[in-house]
Protein backbone atom coordinates (compact mmCIF):
# COMPACT_ATOMS: atom_id res chain seq x y z
CA MET A 1 -95.81 53.34 142.84
CA VAL A 2 -97.54 52.03 139.20
CA ALA A 3 -95.69 49.20 139.08
CA GLY A 4 -95.74 48.16 142.69
CA ALA A 5 -99.51 48.65 142.21
CA VAL A 6 -99.32 46.09 139.12
CA THR A 7 -97.14 43.41 141.17
CA LEU A 8 -99.72 43.23 143.81
CA ALA A 9 -102.48 42.74 141.30
CA VAL A 10 -100.66 39.95 139.96
CA LEU A 11 -100.17 38.31 143.46
CA LEU A 12 -103.75 38.67 144.86
CA ALA A 13 -105.28 37.26 141.26
CA ALA A 14 -103.31 34.60 141.50
CA CYS A 15 -104.68 33.84 144.94
CA THR A 16 -107.90 33.94 144.01
CA GLY A 17 -107.73 30.97 141.30
CA GLY A 18 -111.06 33.23 140.47
CA ASP A 19 -111.92 31.71 137.08
CA ALA A 20 -115.64 31.90 135.29
CA VAL A 21 -117.30 29.85 132.49
CA PRO A 22 -118.16 31.93 129.58
CA GLY A 23 -121.72 33.56 128.71
CA PRO A 24 -123.47 33.46 132.34
CA THR A 25 -126.46 31.57 132.27
CA THR A 26 -129.12 32.79 134.52
CA SER A 27 -131.84 30.97 136.96
CA SER A 28 -135.00 32.69 138.59
CA THR A 29 -134.75 29.85 141.70
CA ALA A 30 -132.81 30.97 144.27
CA THR A 31 -130.49 29.00 146.53
CA ALA A 32 -131.23 28.03 150.10
CA SER A 33 -129.22 31.39 150.92
CA ALA A 34 -132.07 33.17 150.12
CA ALA A 35 -133.97 33.91 153.52
CA ALA A 36 -137.66 33.38 154.19
CA ALA A 37 -138.35 36.93 155.06
CA ALA A 38 -136.98 37.91 151.91
CA GLN A 39 -139.65 38.90 148.89
CA VAL A 40 -137.41 38.54 146.05
CA GLU A 41 -135.25 36.07 144.67
CA PRO A 42 -131.69 36.88 143.41
CA VAL A 43 -130.18 36.23 139.60
CA VAL A 44 -128.34 32.97 140.05
CA VAL A 45 -125.29 32.79 137.54
CA GLU A 46 -122.90 29.81 136.72
CA ALA A 47 -119.12 30.63 137.27
CA LEU A 48 -116.05 29.22 138.11
CA LEU A 49 -114.37 30.72 141.16
CA GLY A 50 -111.19 29.38 143.39
CA GLY A 51 -111.17 26.68 140.89
CA GLU A 52 -114.92 25.31 140.99
CA GLN A 53 -117.99 26.14 139.44
CA VAL A 54 -120.33 27.80 141.75
CA ALA A 55 -123.66 29.19 141.76
CA VAL A 56 -123.10 32.97 142.21
CA GLU A 57 -126.43 34.72 143.22
CA VAL A 58 -126.67 38.49 142.29
CA GLY A 59 -129.06 40.67 143.96
CA PRO A 60 -131.54 42.00 145.00
CA PHE A 61 -130.59 45.93 144.62
CA ALA A 62 -131.86 47.02 147.58
CA LEU A 63 -133.10 50.67 147.68
CA HIS A 64 -131.97 52.27 151.10
CA GLY A 65 -133.17 55.99 150.60
CA ASP A 66 -130.86 57.37 147.96
CA VAL A 67 -128.30 54.52 148.05
CA GLY A 68 -128.81 50.89 146.16
CA VAL A 69 -126.87 48.00 148.04
CA LEU A 70 -126.17 45.29 145.58
CA ARG A 71 -125.81 41.49 146.95
CA ILE A 72 -123.34 39.02 145.62
CA ALA A 73 -122.67 35.63 147.40
CA ALA A 74 -121.34 32.37 146.23
CA PRO A 75 -120.30 28.79 147.82
CA THR A 76 -116.90 29.57 147.94
CA PRO A 77 -113.84 29.39 150.41
CA PRO A 78 -113.57 32.79 152.87
CA SER A 79 -112.38 35.40 150.49
CA THR A 80 -112.34 34.18 147.31
CA LEU A 81 -115.08 36.00 146.14
CA SER A 82 -113.72 39.13 147.83
CA LEU A 83 -110.64 38.69 145.98
CA ALA A 84 -112.56 38.08 142.34
CA LEU A 85 -114.84 40.94 142.54
CA TRP A 86 -111.64 43.48 143.69
CA HIS A 87 -110.30 46.30 141.68
CA VAL A 88 -106.88 47.00 143.47
CA PHE A 89 -106.05 49.74 141.35
CA ASP A 90 -108.80 51.94 142.74
CA PHE A 91 -108.35 50.59 146.19
CA ARG A 92 -105.38 48.77 147.72
CA ALA A 93 -105.94 48.56 151.06
CA SER A 94 -108.73 45.57 151.49
CA PRO A 95 -110.19 43.27 149.02
CA GLY A 96 -113.78 43.74 148.00
CA PRO A 97 -116.43 44.28 145.51
CA ASN A 98 -115.37 47.70 144.20
CA GLY A 99 -114.89 46.30 141.30
CA VAL A 100 -118.56 45.67 140.06
CA ARG A 101 -120.23 48.15 138.21
CA LEU A 102 -123.68 48.94 136.84
CA VAL A 103 -124.27 49.18 133.39
CA ASP A 104 -127.30 50.82 131.93
CA ALA A 105 -127.45 49.80 128.36
CA ASP A 106 -130.47 51.76 127.33
CA ALA A 107 -128.73 55.28 128.66
CA GLY A 108 -124.89 54.20 127.52
CA THR A 109 -123.92 54.79 130.98
CA VAL A 110 -121.57 53.06 133.53
CA THR A 111 -121.72 53.47 137.33
CA SER A 112 -118.82 52.45 139.89
CA VAL A 113 -119.39 51.81 143.50
CA LEU A 114 -120.10 54.57 145.74
CA THR A 115 -117.01 56.07 147.82
CA THR A 116 -117.57 57.28 151.02
CA THR A 117 -116.35 61.04 151.86
CA GLY A 118 -113.10 59.29 152.81
CA ASP A 119 -112.64 57.95 149.56
CA ARG A 120 -113.01 54.22 150.96
CA PRO A 121 -115.19 52.07 148.87
CA LEU A 122 -119.13 51.52 150.32
CA ALA A 123 -118.74 48.02 150.30
CA THR A 124 -117.86 45.03 152.28
CA GLY A 125 -114.39 45.31 153.37
CA ASN A 126 -112.29 44.40 156.26
CA SER A 127 -112.86 47.92 157.79
CA SER A 128 -116.66 47.53 157.18
CA PRO A 129 -118.25 47.93 160.83
CA GLY A 130 -121.01 45.19 160.51
CA GLY A 131 -123.87 45.01 162.61
CA PRO A 132 -126.99 42.77 163.23
CA ARG A 133 -128.28 43.17 159.65
CA THR A 134 -124.60 41.98 158.31
CA ASP A 135 -124.84 38.97 161.10
CA ALA A 136 -128.53 38.49 159.64
CA ALA A 137 -127.14 38.26 155.98
CA VAL A 138 -124.26 35.84 156.46
CA ALA A 139 -126.50 33.55 158.46
CA ALA A 140 -129.35 33.77 155.54
CA ALA A 141 -126.46 32.75 153.21
CA ASP A 142 -125.88 29.54 154.82
CA GLY A 143 -122.33 29.04 154.49
CA ALA A 144 -121.90 30.87 151.45
CA GLU A 145 -119.31 34.30 151.17
CA VAL A 146 -121.78 37.22 150.89
CA VAL A 147 -120.77 40.55 149.86
CA HIS A 148 -122.53 43.90 149.53
CA ALA A 149 -121.48 46.93 147.15
CA ALA A 150 -123.19 50.35 147.20
CA PHE A 151 -124.54 52.24 144.46
CA PRO A 152 -126.63 55.76 143.85
CA ALA A 153 -130.91 54.45 143.88
CA VAL A 154 -132.08 53.92 140.77
CA ASP A 155 -135.93 54.29 139.54
CA ASP A 156 -135.80 51.10 137.51
CA ASP A 157 -137.38 47.67 138.05
CA THR A 158 -134.12 46.46 137.66
CA VAL A 159 -130.23 46.94 136.87
CA ASP A 160 -127.59 45.12 134.72
CA VAL A 161 -124.36 44.32 136.67
CA LEU A 162 -120.54 43.85 135.41
CA LEU A 163 -119.07 41.38 137.62
CA PRO A 164 -115.31 40.67 137.42
CA GLN A 165 -114.56 36.83 136.65
CA VAL A 166 -117.93 36.18 136.11
CA GLY A 167 -119.42 38.81 133.21
CA TRP A 168 -122.48 40.83 132.34
CA VAL A 169 -125.58 39.74 134.45
CA ARG A 170 -128.69 41.14 133.20
CA ASP A 171 -132.14 42.15 134.89
CA VAL A 172 -131.35 41.98 138.83
CA PRO A 173 -134.10 42.93 140.58
CA VAL A 174 -134.46 46.16 142.79
CA VAL A 175 -136.43 46.44 145.49
CA ALA A 176 -136.95 48.25 148.90
CA ALA A 177 -134.83 47.35 151.42
CA GLU A 178 -137.81 46.19 153.21
CA ALA A 179 -138.56 43.57 150.57
CA ALA A 180 -135.22 42.39 150.57
CA GLY A 181 -135.12 40.98 154.20
CA ASP A 182 -132.09 39.46 155.05
CA LEU A 183 -130.63 39.82 152.04
CA THR A 184 -129.31 43.19 152.49
CA VAL A 185 -127.84 45.39 154.77
CA PRO A 186 -127.94 49.28 155.54
CA PRO A 187 -125.05 51.47 154.32
CA SER A 188 -124.14 52.21 157.83
CA GLU A 189 -122.89 48.74 158.24
CA LEU A 190 -120.49 48.77 155.24
CA SER A 191 -118.63 51.70 156.48
CA ASP A 192 -118.94 54.41 159.13
CA GLN A 193 -118.37 57.35 156.80
CA PRO A 194 -121.43 58.74 154.85
CA ALA A 195 -121.61 58.18 150.79
CA GLY A 196 -119.38 60.86 148.77
CA GLU A 197 -120.36 61.87 145.35
CA ALA A 198 -121.20 59.16 142.65
CA VAL A 199 -119.62 58.60 139.57
CA THR A 200 -121.65 57.68 136.42
CA ALA A 201 -119.65 58.38 132.99
CA PRO A 202 -120.86 58.08 129.91
CA VAL A 203 -119.93 54.85 127.62
CA GLU A 204 -117.81 55.86 124.85
CA THR A 205 -116.59 54.48 121.53
CA TYR A 206 -113.48 54.45 119.77
CA THR A 207 -112.49 52.84 116.04
CA GLU A 208 -110.03 53.33 113.64
CA ALA A 209 -109.74 52.68 109.64
CA LEU A 210 -107.12 52.68 107.04
CA SER A 211 -104.42 51.15 109.65
CA GLY A 212 -105.34 53.88 112.43
CA GLN A 213 -104.70 56.92 110.12
CA VAL A 214 -108.38 57.61 110.84
CA ARG A 215 -109.92 57.55 114.37
CA THR A 216 -113.42 58.36 115.84
CA ARG A 217 -114.46 58.74 118.98
CA ARG A 218 -118.24 58.90 120.07
CA THR A 219 -119.55 60.23 123.00
CA ALA A 220 -122.85 61.13 124.64
CA ASP A 221 -122.91 64.34 123.07
CA GLU A 222 -120.49 64.42 119.99
CA VAL A 223 -118.83 62.66 117.35
CA GLU A 224 -115.17 63.33 116.53
CA VAL A 225 -113.49 61.98 113.44
CA ALA A 226 -109.62 62.37 113.55
CA VAL A 227 -107.61 61.91 110.58
CA SER A 228 -103.68 62.33 110.76
CA SER A 229 -102.12 65.02 109.37
CA ASP A 230 -99.15 62.90 108.31
CA VAL A 231 -101.46 60.96 105.59
CA LEU A 232 -103.37 64.37 104.76
CA PHE A 233 -100.10 66.56 104.33
CA ALA A 234 -96.76 66.96 103.35
CA PHE A 235 -94.07 68.43 106.42
CA ASP A 236 -94.98 72.04 106.53
CA SER A 237 -97.77 71.97 103.76
CA ASP A 238 -101.23 72.74 103.58
CA GLN A 239 -102.01 70.90 100.18
CA LEU A 240 -103.48 67.49 100.35
CA ALA A 241 -101.36 64.54 99.57
CA PRO A 242 -102.16 61.86 96.75
CA GLU A 243 -103.14 59.51 99.41
CA ALA A 244 -105.17 61.89 101.33
CA ASP A 245 -108.17 61.29 99.74
CA ALA A 246 -109.16 57.36 101.17
CA ALA A 247 -108.78 58.60 104.62
CA LEU A 248 -111.07 61.57 103.69
CA GLN A 249 -113.84 59.60 102.33
CA SER A 250 -113.87 57.51 105.09
CA ALA A 251 -114.22 60.58 107.31
CA ALA A 252 -116.93 62.05 105.39
CA ALA A 253 -118.86 58.46 105.77
CA GLN A 254 -118.81 59.37 109.41
CA VAL A 255 -120.22 62.86 108.76
CA ALA A 256 -122.60 61.41 105.94
CA ALA A 257 -124.44 59.30 108.61
CA HIS A 258 -126.27 62.01 110.57
CA GLY A 259 -128.51 63.92 109.50
CA GLY A 260 -127.36 67.15 110.53
CA GLY A 261 -125.54 69.64 113.46
CA ASP A 262 -122.84 71.66 114.25
CA LEU A 263 -119.46 70.75 112.21
CA THR A 264 -116.46 72.09 113.38
CA VAL A 265 -113.08 70.97 111.45
CA VAL A 266 -109.92 71.99 113.59
CA GLY A 267 -106.70 71.34 112.40
CA HIS A 268 -104.11 70.64 115.19
CA THR A 269 -100.35 70.59 115.19
CA ASP A 270 -97.79 69.36 117.48
CA ASP A 271 -95.38 71.40 120.05
CA GLN A 272 -92.69 71.64 117.56
CA GLY A 273 -91.91 75.38 115.86
CA ASP A 274 -93.34 78.38 116.52
CA GLU A 275 -96.66 78.82 118.52
CA THR A 276 -98.02 81.36 116.15
CA TYR A 277 -96.81 79.99 112.83
CA ASN A 278 -98.47 76.35 114.29
CA VAL A 279 -101.88 78.25 114.44
CA ASP A 280 -101.79 79.73 111.05
CA LEU A 281 -100.85 76.07 109.30
CA SER A 282 -103.42 74.39 111.31
CA GLN A 283 -106.04 77.05 110.17
CA ARG A 284 -105.00 76.58 106.80
CA ARG A 285 -104.87 72.81 106.87
CA ALA A 286 -108.26 72.69 108.20
CA GLN A 287 -109.58 74.90 105.22
CA THR A 288 -108.02 72.65 103.08
CA VAL A 289 -110.09 69.77 104.53
CA ALA A 290 -113.01 71.57 104.69
CA THR A 291 -113.25 72.24 100.97
CA ARG A 292 -112.79 68.59 100.30
CA LEU A 293 -115.29 67.34 102.28
CA GLY A 294 -117.48 69.33 100.96
CA GLU A 295 -117.01 68.03 97.72
CA LEU A 296 -117.00 64.55 98.94
CA VAL A 297 -120.51 64.81 100.94
CA ASP A 298 -123.47 67.19 101.29
CA LEU A 299 -122.61 69.24 103.68
CA SER A 300 -125.68 71.81 103.45
CA ALA A 301 -127.72 70.62 106.91
CA PHE A 302 -124.34 71.29 108.86
CA ASP A 303 -123.42 74.54 110.29
CA LEU A 304 -119.96 74.77 109.15
CA ALA A 305 -116.87 75.92 110.97
CA VAL A 306 -113.33 75.84 110.59
CA GLU A 307 -110.48 76.38 113.07
CA GLY A 308 -106.83 76.17 113.72
CA ARG A 309 -105.52 75.56 117.02
CA GLY A 310 -101.99 74.87 116.55
CA GLU A 311 -100.15 73.03 119.32
CA SER A 312 -102.98 74.23 121.85
CA GLU A 313 -105.06 71.16 122.25
CA PRO A 314 -102.50 67.76 122.25
CA LEU A 315 -104.83 64.65 122.13
CA VAL A 316 -102.23 62.90 124.30
CA VAL A 317 -99.46 64.40 126.66
CA GLY A 318 -95.96 64.46 125.54
CA THR A 319 -92.98 65.36 123.53
CA GLY A 320 -92.13 61.80 122.42
CA ASP A 321 -92.69 60.73 118.72
CA ALA A 322 -95.82 58.92 119.13
CA GLU A 323 -97.37 61.62 121.29
CA ARG A 324 -96.57 64.09 118.81
CA ALA A 325 -97.68 61.84 115.63
CA LEU A 326 -101.29 61.34 117.59
CA ASN A 327 -101.03 65.14 117.84
CA ARG A 328 -101.07 66.00 114.31
CA ARG A 329 -104.19 66.18 112.87
CA VAL A 330 -107.29 67.26 111.81
CA ALA A 331 -110.43 66.78 113.74
CA LEU A 332 -114.06 66.91 112.36
CA VAL A 333 -116.06 67.48 115.70
CA LEU A 334 -119.76 66.90 114.83
CA VAL A 335 -122.54 67.90 117.42
CA PRO A 336 -125.65 66.56 116.09
CA SER A 337 -128.86 68.25 115.97
CA SER A 338 -131.10 67.47 118.93
CA ASP A 339 -133.79 66.65 116.75
CA ALA A 340 -131.85 63.73 114.71
CA ALA A 341 -132.21 60.18 115.54
CA GLU A 342 -129.48 58.01 117.32
CA THR A 343 -126.88 56.67 114.46
CA ALA A 344 -125.20 53.47 115.15
CA GLU A 345 -121.67 52.97 114.87
CA VAL A 346 -120.55 53.61 111.24
CA VAL A 347 -118.60 50.77 110.10
CA VAL A 348 -116.37 52.07 106.58
CA ASP A 349 -116.83 49.45 103.89
CA ALA A 350 -113.15 49.38 102.54
CA GLY A 351 -113.33 45.98 101.19
CA ALA A 352 -111.94 43.06 102.54
CA LEU A 353 -110.56 42.58 106.06
CA PRO A 354 -107.13 43.17 106.78
CA ASP A 355 -105.01 40.04 106.29
CA PRO A 356 -104.57 37.99 109.74
CA GLN A 357 -101.56 38.69 111.37
CA GLY A 358 -101.41 35.24 113.53
CA ALA A 359 -103.48 31.98 113.81
CA VAL A 360 -106.95 32.05 112.36
CA ALA A 361 -109.78 29.58 113.78
CA THR A 362 -113.42 29.85 114.22
CA GLY A 363 -114.56 31.12 117.00
CA ALA A 364 -116.36 27.85 118.28
CA THR A 365 -112.97 25.92 117.79
CA GLY A 366 -111.12 28.25 119.06
CA LEU A 367 -107.07 27.71 119.05
CA SER A 368 -103.62 28.12 120.71
CA VAL A 369 -101.73 30.87 121.79
CA VAL A 370 -97.96 30.77 122.56
CA ASP A 371 -96.47 34.35 123.95
CA GLY A 372 -93.34 33.85 125.35
CA ASP A 373 -93.08 30.93 128.22
CA ALA A 374 -96.56 31.50 128.59
CA THR A 375 -99.47 29.05 126.22
CA PHE A 376 -103.23 29.45 126.30
CA ASP A 377 -106.46 28.17 124.47
CA VAL A 378 -108.73 30.92 123.76
CA ARG A 379 -112.31 30.74 122.25
CA LEU A 380 -115.33 32.80 121.93
CA PRO A 381 -118.67 30.76 120.95
CA GLU A 382 -121.11 33.63 120.45
CA VAL A 383 -121.30 37.47 121.28
CA ARG A 384 -124.39 38.68 122.90
CA ARG A 385 -126.52 41.74 121.34
CA VAL A 386 -127.29 44.05 124.36
CA GLY A 387 -128.58 47.10 123.70
CA ARG A 388 -126.43 49.02 121.18
CA TYR A 389 -123.33 46.69 122.63
CA LEU A 390 -121.98 43.21 121.61
CA VAL A 391 -120.77 41.54 124.87
CA GLY A 392 -118.33 38.48 124.30
CA ALA A 393 -117.26 36.21 127.18
CA LEU A 394 -113.76 34.81 125.86
CA GLU A 395 -112.85 31.58 127.23
CA VAL A 396 -109.13 31.28 128.27
CA THR A 397 -107.87 28.21 129.38
CA ASN A 398 -104.12 28.71 130.91
CA THR A 399 -102.04 25.21 129.05
CA GLY A 400 -99.07 26.58 130.47
CA ALA A 401 -96.89 25.55 133.73
CA THR A 402 -97.48 28.72 135.58
CA ASP A 403 -100.00 31.03 136.55
CA LEU A 404 -100.79 33.06 133.47
CA ALA A 405 -100.88 37.11 133.36
CA LEU A 406 -102.60 37.72 129.88
CA GLY A 407 -101.05 40.87 128.76
CA SER A 408 -101.09 39.81 125.30
CA LEU A 409 -104.41 40.97 125.26
CA ALA A 410 -103.54 44.19 125.69
CA VAL A 411 -102.20 47.57 124.36
CA GLY A 412 -99.42 47.29 126.63
CA ALA A 413 -99.58 50.09 129.13
CA TRP A 414 -101.22 52.64 127.18
CA ASP A 415 -105.25 52.83 126.49
CA ALA A 416 -106.54 51.99 122.96
CA ARG A 417 -106.57 55.97 122.29
CA GLY A 418 -102.74 56.11 122.82
CA SER A 419 -102.28 57.84 126.09
CA LEU A 420 -100.04 56.18 128.64
CA ASP A 421 -101.85 54.12 131.32
CA ALA A 422 -99.56 51.18 133.12
CA GLU A 423 -102.76 49.91 135.34
CA LEU A 424 -104.38 48.91 131.93
CA GLN A 425 -101.44 46.49 131.27
CA PHE A 426 -103.47 43.32 131.78
CA ALA A 427 -106.63 44.79 130.44
CA PRO A 428 -107.95 43.44 127.35
CA THR A 429 -107.85 47.02 125.52
CA ASN A 430 -106.41 45.37 122.49
CA VAL A 431 -109.09 42.58 121.65
CA THR A 432 -111.23 44.17 118.58
CA LEU A 433 -113.76 43.26 116.46
CA VAL A 434 -112.79 44.06 112.35
CA SER A 435 -115.50 44.61 109.97
CA GLY A 436 -114.83 45.75 106.40
CA GLY A 437 -111.99 48.62 107.06
CA THR A 438 -113.19 49.53 110.71
CA ARG A 439 -111.51 48.34 113.62
CA LEU A 440 -113.71 48.54 116.68
CA TYR A 441 -111.76 48.48 120.49
CA PRO A 442 -113.85 47.73 123.44
CA VAL A 443 -116.25 50.50 124.90
CA ASP A 444 -114.56 52.21 127.42
CA TYR A 445 -115.38 55.57 129.90
CA VAL A 446 -113.76 58.31 131.47
CA LYS A 447 -113.06 57.19 135.20
CA ASP A 448 -110.67 60.01 136.40
CA ALA A 449 -111.60 63.40 134.51
CA GLU A 450 -108.76 64.99 136.46
CA ARG A 451 -106.23 62.70 134.73
CA GLY A 452 -107.79 61.86 131.73
CA ALA A 453 -107.78 57.89 132.88
CA ARG A 454 -110.21 55.88 130.89
CA ASP A 455 -111.29 52.15 132.07
CA PRO A 456 -112.75 49.60 129.24
CA LEU A 457 -116.24 47.83 129.77
CA SER A 458 -114.43 44.51 130.33
CA ASP A 459 -112.43 43.11 132.69
CA ARG A 460 -109.76 45.27 133.69
CA ILE A 461 -107.23 42.88 135.44
CA VAL A 462 -106.74 39.31 133.82
CA ASN A 463 -104.14 37.54 135.75
CA GLY A 464 -103.49 35.02 137.93
CA VAL A 465 -104.84 32.13 135.82
CA ALA A 466 -103.69 28.88 137.46
CA PRO A 467 -102.32 25.95 135.14
CA GLY A 468 -105.32 24.21 133.90
CA THR A 469 -108.08 26.45 134.93
CA VAL A 470 -110.58 28.59 132.33
CA ARG A 471 -111.07 32.07 133.03
CA THR A 472 -113.96 34.09 131.14
CA VAL A 473 -112.81 37.39 130.26
CA THR A 474 -116.08 39.78 129.46
CA VAL A 475 -115.23 42.31 126.53
CA VAL A 476 -117.99 44.83 125.35
CA TRP A 477 -117.86 46.66 121.77
CA PRO A 478 -120.15 48.64 119.98
CA ASP A 479 -122.61 47.05 117.81
CA THR A 480 -121.31 46.67 113.95
CA GLY A 481 -124.88 45.76 112.68
CA GLU A 482 -123.75 42.19 111.62
CA ASP A 483 -125.07 38.71 112.45
CA VAL A 484 -121.52 37.17 112.38
CA VAL A 485 -118.46 38.77 113.54
CA THR A 486 -114.95 38.47 113.59
CA LEU A 487 -112.11 39.13 117.08
CA ASP A 488 -108.97 40.12 116.00
CA VAL A 489 -105.99 40.62 118.32
CA ALA A 490 -103.39 42.23 115.71
CA PRO A 491 -99.93 43.58 116.48
CA ARG A 492 -99.82 47.69 117.24
CA PHE A 493 -96.78 49.91 116.45
CA HIS A 494 -95.93 52.92 118.13
CA PRO A 495 -97.10 56.15 115.88
CA GLY A 496 -93.46 57.27 115.59
CA ASN A 497 -91.79 53.98 114.62
CA ALA A 498 -93.44 51.67 112.52
CA GLU A 499 -91.04 49.26 113.26
CA LEU A 500 -91.63 49.12 117.03
CA ARG A 501 -94.12 46.69 118.22
CA ILE A 502 -96.15 47.96 120.95
CA ALA A 503 -98.80 45.21 121.45
CA GLY A 504 -100.06 42.33 119.53
CA ARG A 505 -97.15 40.29 119.86
CA ALA A 506 -99.13 37.14 120.04
CA PRO A 507 -101.69 37.68 117.17
CA PHE A 508 -105.00 35.73 116.73
CA ARG A 509 -108.35 35.51 115.09
CA LEU A 510 -111.28 33.68 115.56
CA THR A 511 -113.83 34.04 112.99
CA ASP A 512 -117.37 33.35 112.28
CA VAL A 513 -118.50 34.40 115.63
CA PRO A 514 -122.32 34.32 115.48
CA VAL A 515 -124.25 37.44 117.29
CA VAL A 516 -127.62 36.34 119.48
CA GLU A 517 -129.87 38.25 120.76
CA ASP A 518 -130.22 39.01 124.50
């Protein structure tokens, strides 16, 4: 089923020809598509869609009771805009703008398009009933394609929007439906089913240090630093190995960056061996780590607990060598005190950057990449600082003879944290920033708590790039606090087999990328 969906996504994306110019520029001047009755103007960004550079109108975000309806319009051939904004894995029956997301940079949250009680997107689609307001909205668009997507209502004056193939668009105006005039439609004309529950998820970060031996996950409520047991201990031992201290110093730096709170050191094993013995081993290992941690940093401001949970809480599901290697770990779970100041992402200073594994050029100059039969040029002239995030707009030009599917930017059929998810095999999950000894992956969020499935805050399906055309690939990372950053697409190997490469088959590095304030 998944493989079929991937094939469908490739074919549909290829039909769009949808490309975007990097770093969308905005204008406060609406085009002729704005109706005279409207008391608000949309934000206008320049993008490449259907092989043509066009002005994409974003907004307004019109409030219809407890639902906000976002308008997007562009002078493109029929269905071009709908196909560009479509996330096929979330809804396969009809193209439409269900791939659009709202981002609250201050709160650190992302909100997906509302679904109906019938589990369909509350957005323009083939089954939308339409009506007089839809007819008026189409007329007001003056020949442009216009689509709408519904979200929970907001209390703010503006919203930020992440559009596939276009980018992060800031400060889209929020108005009452009456003020939007013919630039909005009621939710009842998008679907004949009522709105279901909203899905708003906290944006989370994931970083690695020391070649992935120290993995840090930051959520809205806690920070978890997982240190691989394979670097800490020999088989069946609770005594620290000689090479363990570098990993523990890196983990200690994460703890020390916070002013206090609840700190639990938790030992975990894989699923091999006797369960009772594994609980005891994990407890002893956790105590060993807690003791050494207290020698490295002052823990007096933390309420410290030590636990062993054996095999009961695997990090990833599976019984292969890769999954078991990830599950063998000691985790430092920190819940900062309520009065603690918000802490920026901790970048561990472990000396020079790791050696590049492929071609190197400055971001402004860019370089050519060969990945099997596929060839493409890639540039990153700058990244934008938006709140706690860095937003990049990679310019990818297909220099080959056939349509380009950018699996070379992905962590294969896994998410960045190691969980299998074939829907991400064309997402830029392996496009990282490197700073000192830290590798920062694109920020992500849990889109399906039941499955534990995650989506990156980026373009999610990067394929169907026609020969000779440019696609803008938006990627969002945690802020490193630097004025200049380095982007790195590096090889990634199977956790249980250091010789088996699972990603980064065409590595490259872009250096000297300036950070500009948004």
